[in-house]
């Protein structure tokens, strides 16, 4: 509910800001609606949180919460998106961005992760990476000189990994170190349904947004997915523009593997800024 309220507030803010900045001459068509290709390149200033569970064999499932392990919650990622319009009805889009965090912590209580034992007192290096790739095919339900509404679907590909490297100092006749390594990874193609809306206040200012959702079981994968963004766009020229907005991604995905499963529960919220090129 909080996420949807954020979308509503930001969308209203973007629309109000654009309305104030828009002039009364609304006759010119915004170039986004007539150009075949749109390229966006910028940054996703995001705050992320996640839980990772890896269970193997007869060992109990252990969930690691990144916040509890001292991992950084904030990460600025590059953002890349491309849309191609085949005709007035059909279009396709692709996009990509990433999240990466890490930390070093000391184990306070023995735990098992992915079938490997980490002993109290061990120093552990943690690295978490999530790359997200998007591909969609969209169909235009309604279109005018200033408005476009599309629906469609496609795939979100999540490439996630959590690696732990634990080092424990040994005392006794032989002084040394014992090293434990563990890694849980998941590469999940998650299908999704999507709707997008675009409204041009004039040939310079516009506001648009996207909402995608799905809850499904596909082969060895199961889980829920939600994606949304809203942006305010300003066209500097017919080709180049600037946009700013807010984006949310959440996914709770489980993959069945040999002798167990990996589960990644992730949420990312933040602001986006991008340069666009229409051609």
Protein backbone atom coordinates (compact mmCIF):
# COMPACT_ATOMS: atom_id res chain seq x y z
CA UNK A 1 0.00 0.00 0.00
CA UNK A 2 2.83 2.42 0.83
CA UNK A 3 4.44 1.78 -2.55
CA UNK A 4 1.21 2.54 -4.43
CA UNK A 5 0.69 5.71 -2.40
CA UNK A 6 4.19 6.84 -3.41
CA UNK A 7 3.32 6.27 -7.05
CA UNK A 8 0.11 8.28 -6.72
CA UNK A 9 1.79 11.21 -4.94
CA UNK A 10 4.70 11.36 -7.37
CA UNK A 11 2.43 11.01 -10.40
CA UNK A 12 0.25 13.86 -9.16
CA UNK A 13 3.34 15.95 -8.47
CA UNK A 14 4.78 15.29 -11.92
CA UNK A 15 1.51 16.10 -13.61
CA UNK A 16 1.03 19.31 -11.61
CA UNK A 17 4.60 20.44 -12.27
CA UNK A 18 4.28 19.78 -15.96
CA UNK A 19 0.93 21.55 -16.13
CA UNK A 20 2.43 24.67 -14.60
CA UNK A 21 5.36 24.60 -16.99
CA UNK A 22 3.28 23.77 -20.07
CA UNK A 23 2.16 26.60 -22.33
CA UNK A 24 -1.29 27.03 -23.80
CA UNK A 25 -0.25 25.91 -27.26
CA UNK A 26 -0.85 22.19 -27.19
CA UNK A 27 -1.15 21.62 -30.92
CA UNK A 28 2.29 20.16 -31.64
CA UNK A 29 2.71 16.42 -31.24
CA UNK A 30 5.36 15.30 -28.76
CA UNK A 31 8.24 13.59 -30.62
CA UNK A 32 8.01 10.52 -28.34
CA UNK A 33 4.76 9.59 -30.09
CA UNK A 34 6.11 9.85 -33.64
CA UNK A 35 9.71 8.65 -33.42
CA UNK A 36 10.33 4.93 -34.01
CA UNK A 37 13.15 4.59 -31.46
CA UNK A 38 13.73 5.89 -27.94
CA UNK A 39 16.97 5.36 -25.99
CA UNK A 40 17.26 6.23 -22.28
CA UNK A 41 20.57 6.22 -20.43
CA UNK A 42 20.99 7.40 -16.85
CA UNK A 43 21.09 6.42 -13.19
CA UNK A 44 18.88 4.58 -10.71
CA UNK A 45 19.62 5.93 -7.20
CA UNK A 46 18.10 3.08 -5.24
CA UNK A 47 17.69 1.82 -1.71
CA UNK A 48 17.55 -1.96 -1.53
CA UNK A 49 16.82 -4.63 1.00
CA UNK A 50 16.73 -8.37 0.70
CA UNK A 51 16.63 -11.78 2.34
CA UNK A 52 18.40 -14.80 0.90
CA UNK A 53 17.63 -18.40 1.90
CA UNK A 54 19.64 -21.43 0.80
CA UNK A 55 18.65 -24.90 1.96
CA UNK A 56 20.47 -28.15 1.17
CA UNK A 57 19.79 -31.76 2.12
CA UNK A 58 18.78 -32.36 5.72
CA UNK A 59 20.09 -29.01 6.98
CA UNK A 60 17.51 -26.53 8.21
CA UNK A 61 16.81 -23.58 5.92
CA UNK A 62 18.70 -20.48 7.03
CA UNK A 63 17.67 -16.98 5.92
CA UNK A 64 20.27 -14.24 5.79
CA UNK A 65 18.96 -10.68 5.99
CA UNK A 66 21.36 -8.26 4.29
CA UNK A 67 20.46 -5.44 6.68
CA UNK A 68 21.39 -7.56 9.72
CA UNK A 69 24.78 -8.33 8.18
CA UNK A 70 25.66 -4.67 7.76
CA UNK A 71 25.40 -4.57 3.97
CA UNK A 72 24.93 -1.13 2.40
CA UNK A 73 21.32 -0.37 1.49
CA UNK A 74 22.05 2.40 -1.02
CA UNK A 75 23.49 1.86 -4.47
CA UNK A 76 23.55 4.02 -7.60
CA UNK A 77 23.26 1.94 -10.74
CA UNK A 78 23.44 2.79 -14.41
CA UNK A 79 20.09 2.52 -16.17
CA UNK A 80 19.66 1.60 -19.83
CA UNK A 81 16.38 1.31 -21.76
CA UNK A 82 15.48 1.08 -25.44
CA UNK A 83 12.10 1.08 -27.19
CA UNK A 84 11.40 0.34 -30.86
CA UNK A 85 8.04 1.06 -32.47
CA UNK A 86 7.23 -1.38 -35.30
CA UNK A 87 4.06 0.46 -36.31
CA UNK A 88 1.17 2.38 -34.73
CA UNK A 89 0.08 -0.69 -32.75
CA UNK A 90 3.13 -2.77 -31.85
CA UNK A 91 6.34 -1.91 -30.01
CA UNK A 92 9.10 -3.71 -28.10
CA UNK A 93 11.34 -2.54 -25.28
CA UNK A 94 14.40 -3.77 -23.40
CA UNK A 95 16.14 -2.47 -20.29
CA UNK A 96 18.81 -3.26 -17.71
CA UNK A 97 20.19 -2.11 -14.35
CA UNK A 98 21.96 -3.62 -11.32
CA UNK A 99 22.33 -3.60 -7.54
CA UNK A 100 25.53 -4.53 -5.70
CA UNK A 101 26.48 -4.48 -2.03
CA UNK A 102 28.96 -6.12 0.30
CA UNK A 103 30.39 -6.11 3.80
CA UNK A 104 32.70 -7.90 6.21
CA UNK A 105 31.28 -9.17 9.51
CA UNK A 106 32.16 -11.49 12.37
CA UNK A 107 29.99 -14.53 13.05
CA UNK A 108 28.47 -14.39 16.55
CA UNK A 109 26.59 -17.72 16.45
CA UNK A 110 27.28 -20.84 14.40
CA UNK A 111 25.09 -21.11 11.32
CA UNK A 112 24.75 -23.24 8.23
CA UNK A 113 24.20 -21.75 4.81
CA UNK A 114 23.90 -23.73 1.58
CA UNK A 115 25.07 -26.83 3.45
CA UNK A 116 28.27 -25.26 4.78
CA UNK A 117 29.05 -24.45 8.39
CA UNK A 118 30.19 -20.98 9.50
CA UNK A 119 31.64 -21.04 13.01
CA UNK A 120 31.34 -18.31 15.66
CA UNK A 121 34.38 -16.07 15.58
CA UNK A 122 34.94 -16.43 11.84
CA UNK A 123 35.42 -13.32 9.72
CA UNK A 124 33.11 -13.40 6.70
CA UNK A 125 33.30 -11.41 3.46
CA UNK A 126 29.84 -10.96 1.93
CA UNK A 127 29.08 -9.96 -1.67
CA UNK A 128 25.58 -9.59 -3.11
CA UNK A 129 24.85 -8.74 -6.75
CA UNK A 130 21.57 -8.52 -8.63
CA UNK A 131 21.42 -7.76 -12.35
CA UNK A 132 17.99 -7.15 -13.85
CA UNK A 133 17.13 -7.38 -17.54
CA UNK A 134 13.73 -6.54 -19.05
CA UNK A 135 12.19 -7.42 -22.42
CA UNK A 136 8.57 -6.65 -23.35
CA UNK A 137 6.27 -6.58 -26.36
CA UNK A 138 3.52 -3.96 -26.15
CA UNK A 139 0.23 -3.42 -27.99
CA UNK A 140 -1.39 0.03 -28.23
CA UNK A 141 -4.99 0.01 -27.03
CA UNK A 142 -5.57 3.72 -27.44
CA UNK A 143 -3.63 6.47 -29.13
CA UNK A 144 -4.07 10.15 -29.99
CA UNK A 145 -1.84 13.12 -30.77
CA UNK A 146 -1.03 13.51 -27.07
CA UNK A 147 -1.84 10.20 -25.40
CA UNK A 148 -0.90 6.53 -25.66
CA UNK A 149 -1.99 3.53 -23.60
CA UNK A 150 -0.30 0.16 -24.12
CA UNK A 151 -0.61 -3.31 -22.63
CA UNK A 152 1.62 -6.32 -23.10
CA UNK A 153 3.99 -8.70 -21.46
CA UNK A 154 7.43 -10.18 -21.51
CA UNK A 155 10.25 -11.31 -19.26
CA UNK A 156 12.21 -9.99 -16.32
CA UNK A 157 15.50 -11.87 -16.01
CA UNK A 158 17.01 -11.75 -12.52
CA UNK A 159 20.65 -12.79 -12.18
CA UNK A 160 21.27 -12.81 -8.41
CA UNK A 161 24.07 -14.19 -6.27
CA UNK A 162 25.10 -14.08 -2.62
CA UNK A 163 28.61 -15.31 -1.82
CA UNK A 164 30.15 -15.80 1.62
CA UNK A 165 33.83 -16.37 2.34
CA UNK A 166 34.53 -17.18 5.98
CA UNK A 167 37.99 -17.30 7.58
CA UNK A 168 38.55 -18.71 11.08
CA UNK A 169 41.86 -18.44 12.92
CA UNK A 170 43.02 -21.79 14.36
CA UNK A 171 44.94 -22.11 17.61
CA UNK A 172 46.97 -25.04 18.88
CA UNK A 173 50.02 -26.83 17.66
CA UNK A 174 49.49 -25.51 14.16
CA UNK A 175 48.44 -21.89 13.89
CA UNK A 176 46.61 -21.07 10.70
CA UNK A 177 43.26 -20.35 9.13
CA UNK A 178 40.29 -22.45 8.06
CA UNK A 179 38.35 -21.12 5.09
CA UNK A 180 34.70 -21.76 4.24
CA UNK A 181 33.09 -20.66 0.99
CA UNK A 182 29.40 -20.65 0.12
CA UNK A 183 27.41 -19.19 -2.75
CA UNK A 184 23.70 -19.10 -3.50
CA UNK A 185 22.78 -17.93 -6.98
CA UNK A 186 19.64 -17.69 -9.06
CA UNK A 187 19.09 -16.89 -12.72
CA UNK A 188 15.34 -16.64 -13.13
CA UNK A 189 13.37 -15.64 -16.24
CA UNK A 190 10.14 -14.31 -14.72
CA UNK A 191 7.20 -13.61 -17.07
CA UNK A 192 5.20 -10.46 -16.38
CA UNK A 193 2.15 -8.53 -17.53
CA UNK A 194 2.63 -4.83 -18.16
CA UNK A 195 0.75 -1.64 -18.92
CA UNK A 196 2.21 1.74 -19.84
CA UNK A 197 0.73 5.20 -20.25
CA UNK A 198 2.11 8.34 -21.87
CA UNK A 199 0.61 11.83 -21.86
CA UNK A 200 2.13 14.85 -23.61
CA UNK A 201 1.13 18.23 -22.24
CA UNK A 202 2.78 19.81 -25.26
CA UNK A 203 5.72 19.20 -27.57
CA UNK A 204 8.18 19.73 -24.67
CA UNK A 205 6.69 18.32 -21.47
CA UNK A 206 5.24 14.88 -20.86
CA UNK A 207 4.59 12.38 -18.07
CA UNK A 208 4.55 8.60 -18.42
CA UNK A 209 4.52 5.53 -16.24
CA UNK A 210 4.71 1.74 -16.25
CA UNK A 211 3.23 -0.95 -14.02
CA UNK A 212 4.10 -4.65 -14.28
CA UNK A 213 2.96 -7.59 -12.14
CA UNK A 214 2.78 -11.36 -12.02
CA UNK A 215 2.46 -14.22 -9.54
CA UNK A 216 3.17 -17.61 -11.06
CA UNK A 217 4.94 -20.97 -10.97
CA UNK A 218 7.10 -21.69 -14.02
CA UNK A 219 9.15 -24.89 -14.13
CA UNK A 220 11.54 -24.80 -11.14
CA UNK A 221 10.70 -21.16 -10.33
CA UNK A 222 7.89 -19.74 -8.24
CA UNK A 223 7.15 -16.35 -6.76
CA UNK A 224 5.68 -12.86 -7.04
CA UNK A 225 6.89 -9.83 -8.95
CA UNK A 226 5.96 -6.11 -9.03
CA UNK A 227 7.54 -3.34 -11.07
CA UNK A 228 6.54 0.29 -11.49
CA UNK A 229 7.89 3.67 -12.46
CA UNK A 230 6.64 7.17 -13.15
CA UNK A 231 8.66 9.87 -14.94
CA UNK A 232 8.50 13.50 -15.97
CA UNK A 233 10.14 14.17 -19.35
CA UNK A 234 11.37 17.43 -20.93
CA UNK A 235 12.37 17.58 -24.60
CA UNK A 236 15.37 19.86 -25.09
CA UNK A 237 15.20 19.29 -28.86
CA UNK A 238 13.24 16.96 -31.09
CA UNK A 239 15.91 14.32 -30.43
CA UNK A 240 17.34 14.93 -26.94
CA UNK A 241 15.47 15.07 -23.64
CA UNK A 242 15.82 14.77 -19.86
CA UNK A 243 13.68 12.73 -17.47
CA UNK A 244 13.37 12.29 -13.71
CA UNK A 245 11.14 9.95 -11.75
CA UNK A 246 10.65 7.21 -9.19
CA UNK A 247 11.00 3.43 -9.63
CA UNK A 248 10.08 0.37 -7.57
CA UNK A 249 11.03 -3.27 -8.06
CA UNK A 250 10.11 -6.14 -5.74
CA UNK A 251 10.47 -9.87 -6.33
CA UNK A 252 10.14 -12.91 -4.11
CA UNK A 253 11.48 -15.81 -6.20
CA UNK A 254 12.32 -19.38 -5.25
CA UNK A 255 14.30 -21.80 -7.41
CA UNK A 256 14.33 -25.55 -6.78
CA UNK A 257 17.86 -26.98 -7.07
CA UNK A 258 19.48 -30.34 -6.35
CA UNK A 259 18.82 -31.34 -2.71
CA UNK A 260 17.14 -28.05 -1.79
CA UNK A 261 16.22 -24.55 -2.95
CA UNK A 262 17.43 -20.94 -3.19
CA UNK A 263 15.07 -18.09 -2.37
CA UNK A 264 15.65 -14.37 -2.98
CA UNK A 265 13.22 -11.82 -1.51
CA UNK A 266 14.22 -8.36 -2.78
CA UNK A 267 12.86 -4.81 -2.80
CA UNK A 268 14.38 -1.74 -4.49
CA UNK A 269 13.03 1.81 -4.43
CA UNK A 270 14.61 5.00 -5.67
CA UNK A 271 14.80 7.93 -8.04
CA UNK A 272 15.81 7.79 -11.67
CA UNK A 273 17.40 10.40 -13.94
CA UNK A 274 18.14 9.85 -17.59
CA UNK A 275 19.08 11.43 -20.89
CA UNK A 276 16.86 10.34 -23.77
CA UNK A 277 17.57 10.22 -27.49
CA UNK A 278 14.71 9.86 -29.95
CA UNK A 279 15.36 8.85 -33.55
